C-alpha atoms as a PDB file:
ATOM      1  CA  MET A   1      -0.192  -0.189   0.252  1.00  0.00           C
ATOM      2  CA  ASN A   2       1.585   3.422  -1.148  1.00  0.00           C
ATOM      3  CA  MET A   3       0.849   5.244   2.630  1.00  0.00           C
ATOM      4  CA  SER A   4       2.832   5.818   5.123  1.00  0.00           C
ATOM      5  CA  PRO A   5       3.118   3.650   8.120  1.00  0.00           C
ATOM      6  CA  LYS A   6       3.018   7.231  10.102  1.00  0.00           C
ATOM      7  CA  TRP A   7      -1.087   6.836   9.384  1.00  0.00           C
ATOM      8  CA  ALA A   8      -1.855   4.110  11.094  1.00  0.00           C
ATOM      9  CA  LEU A   9       0.246   5.111  13.930  1.00  0.00           C
ATOM     10  CA  PHE A  10      -1.596   8.309  14.022  1.00  0.00           C
ATOM     11  CA  LEU A  11      -5.538   7.237  13.701  1.00  0.00           C
ATOM     12  CA  THR A  12      -4.432   4.846  16.157  1.00  0.00           C
ATOM     13  CA  GLN A  13      -3.441   7.076  18.507  1.00  0.00           C
ATOM     14  CA  GLN A  14      -6.533   9.066  17.915  1.00  0.00           C
ATOM     15  CA  GLY A  15      -8.452   6.550  19.161  1.00  0.00           C
ATOM     16  CA  LEU A  16      -9.814   4.598  15.665  1.00  0.00           C
ATOM     17  CA  GLU A  17      -8.661   1.485  14.943  1.00  0.00           C
ATOM     18  CA  ALA A  18      -5.853   1.092  11.927  1.00  0.00           C
ATOM     19  CA  ILE A  19      -3.211  -1.241  10.594  1.00  0.00           C
ATOM     20  CA  HIS A  20      -1.080  -0.782   7.788  1.00  0.00           C
ATOM     21  CA  TRP A  21      -0.748  -3.148   5.215  1.00  0.00           C
ATOM     22  CA  SER A  22       2.797  -4.295   5.577  1.00  0.00           C
ATOM     23  CA  GLU A  23       1.697  -5.812   9.107  1.00  0.00           C
ATOM     24  CA  VAL A  24      -0.473  -8.177   7.350  1.00  0.00           C
ATOM     25  CA  GLY A  25       0.308  -8.899   3.362  1.00  0.00           C
ATOM     26  CA  LEU A  26       3.159  -8.114   1.354  1.00  0.00           C
ATOM     27  CA  ARG A  27       4.470  -4.797   0.061  1.00  0.00           C
ATOM     28  CA  ASP A  28       3.555  -6.088  -3.612  1.00  0.00           C
ATOM     29  CA  SER A  29       0.019  -7.415  -3.078  1.00  0.00           C
ATOM     30  CA  PRO A  30      -2.457  -6.913  -5.928  1.00  0.00           C
ATOM     31  CA  ASP A  31      -5.016  -4.520  -4.971  1.00  0.00           C
ATOM     32  CA  SER A  32      -7.643  -7.221  -5.411  1.00  0.00           C
ATOM     33  CA  GLU A  33      -6.203  -9.055  -2.472  1.00  0.00           C
ATOM     34  CA  ILE A  34      -5.873  -5.505  -0.378  1.00  0.00           C
ATOM     35  CA  ILE A  35      -9.674  -4.965  -1.153  1.00  0.00           C
ATOM     36  CA  PHE A  36     -10.636  -8.609  -0.193  1.00  0.00           C
ATOM     37  CA  TRP A  37      -8.648  -8.267   3.256  1.00  0.00           C
ATOM     38  CA  ALA A  38     -10.323  -5.388   4.078  1.00  0.00           C
ATOM     39  CA  GLU A  39     -13.859  -6.448   3.179  1.00  0.00           C
ATOM     40  CA  GLN A  40     -13.158  -9.746   4.974  1.00  0.00           C
ATOM     41  CA  ASN A  41     -11.901  -7.673   8.409  1.00  0.00           C
ATOM     42  CA  ALA A  42     -14.232  -4.449   8.165  1.00  0.00           C
ATOM     43  CA  GLN A  43     -11.558  -2.440   7.512  1.00  0.00           C
ATOM     44  CA  VAL A  44     -11.718   1.283   5.544  1.00  0.00           C
ATOM     45  CA  ILE A  45      -8.699   1.207   3.133  1.00  0.00           C
ATOM     46  CA  LEU A  46      -6.833   4.422   3.264  1.00  0.00           C
ATOM     47  CA  THR A  47      -4.818   5.168   0.211  1.00  0.00           C
ATOM     48  CA  GLU A  48      -3.943   8.038  -2.657  1.00  0.00           C
ATOM     49  CA  ASP A  49      -4.498   5.584  -5.619  1.00  0.00           C
ATOM     50  CA  LEU A  50      -7.400   5.361  -7.572  1.00  0.00           C
ATOM     51  CA  ASP A  51      -7.347   2.370  -8.754  1.00  0.00           C
ATOM     52  CA  PHE A  52      -9.443   1.437  -5.495  1.00  0.00           C
ATOM     53  CA  SER A  53     -12.200   3.197  -5.943  1.00  0.00           C
ATOM     54  CA  GLN A  54     -12.443   2.027  -9.741  1.00  0.00           C
ATOM     55  CA  MET A  55     -12.417  -1.319  -8.557  1.00  0.00           C
ATOM     56  CA  LEU A  56     -14.554  -1.162  -6.275  1.00  0.00           C
ATOM     57  CA  ALA A  57     -17.289   0.729  -8.409  1.00  0.00           C
ATOM     58  CA  SER A  58     -16.762  -1.244 -11.269  1.00  0.00           C
ATOM     59  CA  SER A  59     -17.597  -4.383  -8.542  1.00  0.00           C
ATOM     60  CA  ARG A  60     -20.976  -2.863  -7.377  1.00  0.00           C
ATOM     61  CA  LYS A  61     -20.003  -4.216  -3.699  1.00  0.00           C
ATOM     62  CA  PRO A  62     -21.083  -2.384  -0.990  1.00  0.00           C
ATOM     63  CA  GLY A  63     -17.664  -2.184   1.160  1.00  0.00           C
ATOM     64  CA  PRO A  64     -15.348  -2.240   1.822  1.00  0.00           C
ATOM     65  CA  SER A  65     -14.954   1.574   2.331  1.00  0.00           C
ATOM     66  CA  ILE A  66     -12.397   4.195   1.374  1.00  0.00           C
ATOM     67  CA  VAL A  67     -11.069   7.475   2.250  1.00  0.00           C
ATOM     68  CA  GLN A  68      -9.162   8.146  -0.466  1.00  0.00           C
ATOM     69  CA  LEU A  69      -6.459  11.586  -0.401  1.00  0.00           C
ATOM     70  CA  ARG A  70      -6.560  13.733  -3.459  1.00  0.00           C
ATOM     71  CA  ALA A  71      -3.963  16.591  -1.575  1.00  0.00           C
ATOM     72  CA  MET A  72      -0.637  17.625  -2.852  1.00  0.00           C
ATOM     73  CA  ASN A  73       0.935  16.893   0.087  1.00  0.00           C
ATOM     74  CA  ASN A  74      -0.666  13.805   2.183  1.00  0.00           C
ATOM     75  CA  SER A  75       1.811  13.602   4.460  1.00  0.00           C
ATOM     76  CA  VAL A  76      -0.094  13.127   8.280  1.00  0.00           C
ATOM     77  CA  ARG A  77       1.597  16.305   9.176  1.00  0.00           C
ATOM     78  CA  VAL A  78      -0.469  18.161   6.412  1.00  0.00           C
ATOM     79  CA  ILE A  79      -3.901  16.650   6.113  1.00  0.00           C
ATOM     80  CA  GLY A  80      -3.773  14.475   9.310  1.00  0.00           C
ATOM     81  CA  GLU A  81      -6.241  16.586  11.192  1.00  0.00           C
ATOM     82  CA  THR A  82      -8.987  17.348   8.293  1.00  0.00           C
ATOM     83  CA  VAL A  83      -8.473  13.598   7.569  1.00  0.00           C
ATOM     84  CA  LEU A  84      -9.708  12.713  11.131  1.00  0.00           C
ATOM     85  CA  ARG A  85     -12.241  15.388  11.278  1.00  0.00           C
ATOM     86  CA  ALA A  86     -13.432  13.580   7.724  1.00  0.00           C
ATOM     87  CA  ILE A  87     -13.351  10.052   8.832  1.00  0.00           C
ATOM     88  CA  ARG A  88     -15.199  11.279  12.295  1.00  0.00           C
ATOM     89  CA  GLU A  89     -17.956  13.345  10.750  1.00  0.00           C
ATOM     90  CA  ASN A  90     -18.685  10.072   8.268  1.00  0.00           C
ATOM     91  CA  GLU A  91     -18.273   7.381  10.541  1.00  0.00           C
ATOM     92  CA  ASN A  92     -21.710   5.895  10.060  1.00  0.00           C
ATOM     93  CA  ALA A  93     -21.716   5.944   6.079  1.00  0.00           C
ATOM     94  CA  LEU A  94     -17.981   4.416   6.258  1.00  0.00           C
ATOM     95  CA  ALA A  95     -19.557   1.728   8.455  1.00  0.00           C
ATOM     96  CA  SER A  96     -21.691   1.229   5.839  1.00  0.00           C
ATOM     97  CA  GLY A  97     -20.158   1.416   2.965  1.00  0.00           C
ATOM     98  CA  ALA A  98     -18.694   4.281   1.249  1.00  0.00           C
ATOM     99  CA  ILE A  99     -16.008   6.000  -1.091  1.00  0.00           C
ATOM    100  CA  LEU A 100     -14.552   9.216   0.919  1.00  0.00           C
ATOM    101  CA  THR A 101     -12.621  11.836  -1.218  1.00  0.00           C
ATOM    102  CA  LEU A 102     -10.673  14.108   0.413  1.00  0.00           C
ATOM    103  CA  ASP A 103      -8.481  17.208  -0.456  1.00  0.00           C
ATOM    104  CA  THR A 104      -6.996  20.003   1.590  1.00  0.00           C
ATOM    105  CA  ARG A 105     -10.472  22.314   0.664  1.00  0.00           C
ATOM    106  CA  ARG A 106     -13.300  19.743   0.628  1.00  0.00           C
ATOM    107  CA  ALA A 107     -14.808  15.954   1.036  1.00  0.00           C
ATOM    108  CA  ARG A 108     -16.977  14.261  -1.421  1.00  0.00           C
ATOM    109  CA  LEU A 109     -18.677  11.167   0.078  1.00  0.00           C
ATOM    110  CA  ARG A 110     -20.714   8.734  -2.188  1.00  0.00           C
ATOM    111  CA  LEU A 111     -22.334   5.410  -0.783  1.00  0.00           C
ATOM    112  CA  LEU A 112     -21.609   2.162  -1.701  1.00  0.00           C
ATOM    113  CA  PRO A 113     -22.924   0.326  -4.039  1.00  0.00           C
ATOM    114  CA  LEU A 114     -22.067   2.921  -6.893  1.00  0.00           C
END
């Protein structure tokens, strides 16, 4: 997964359940394997990669949920508080199945299946 392990640490420190893919799977695992694992383990995927949303949209499945970061700088230091606030504000939708796209100016929520 392309996100820094610092994200899992940050989210855990804020009281959310988070794990970095490198703790459960191989670094070069296909996206489909990550999606399957997240679905089976009721986890939300945090990513910069557009492929996850595209794969989920084409599958017409109700999950797993995805939080997709689209800012120029997706480091915890720069966008961490924005991401945390958006996750908390959309907690119910993410629990049910959604794609939450974030940049530094706005959040866009799409409920699944698309």
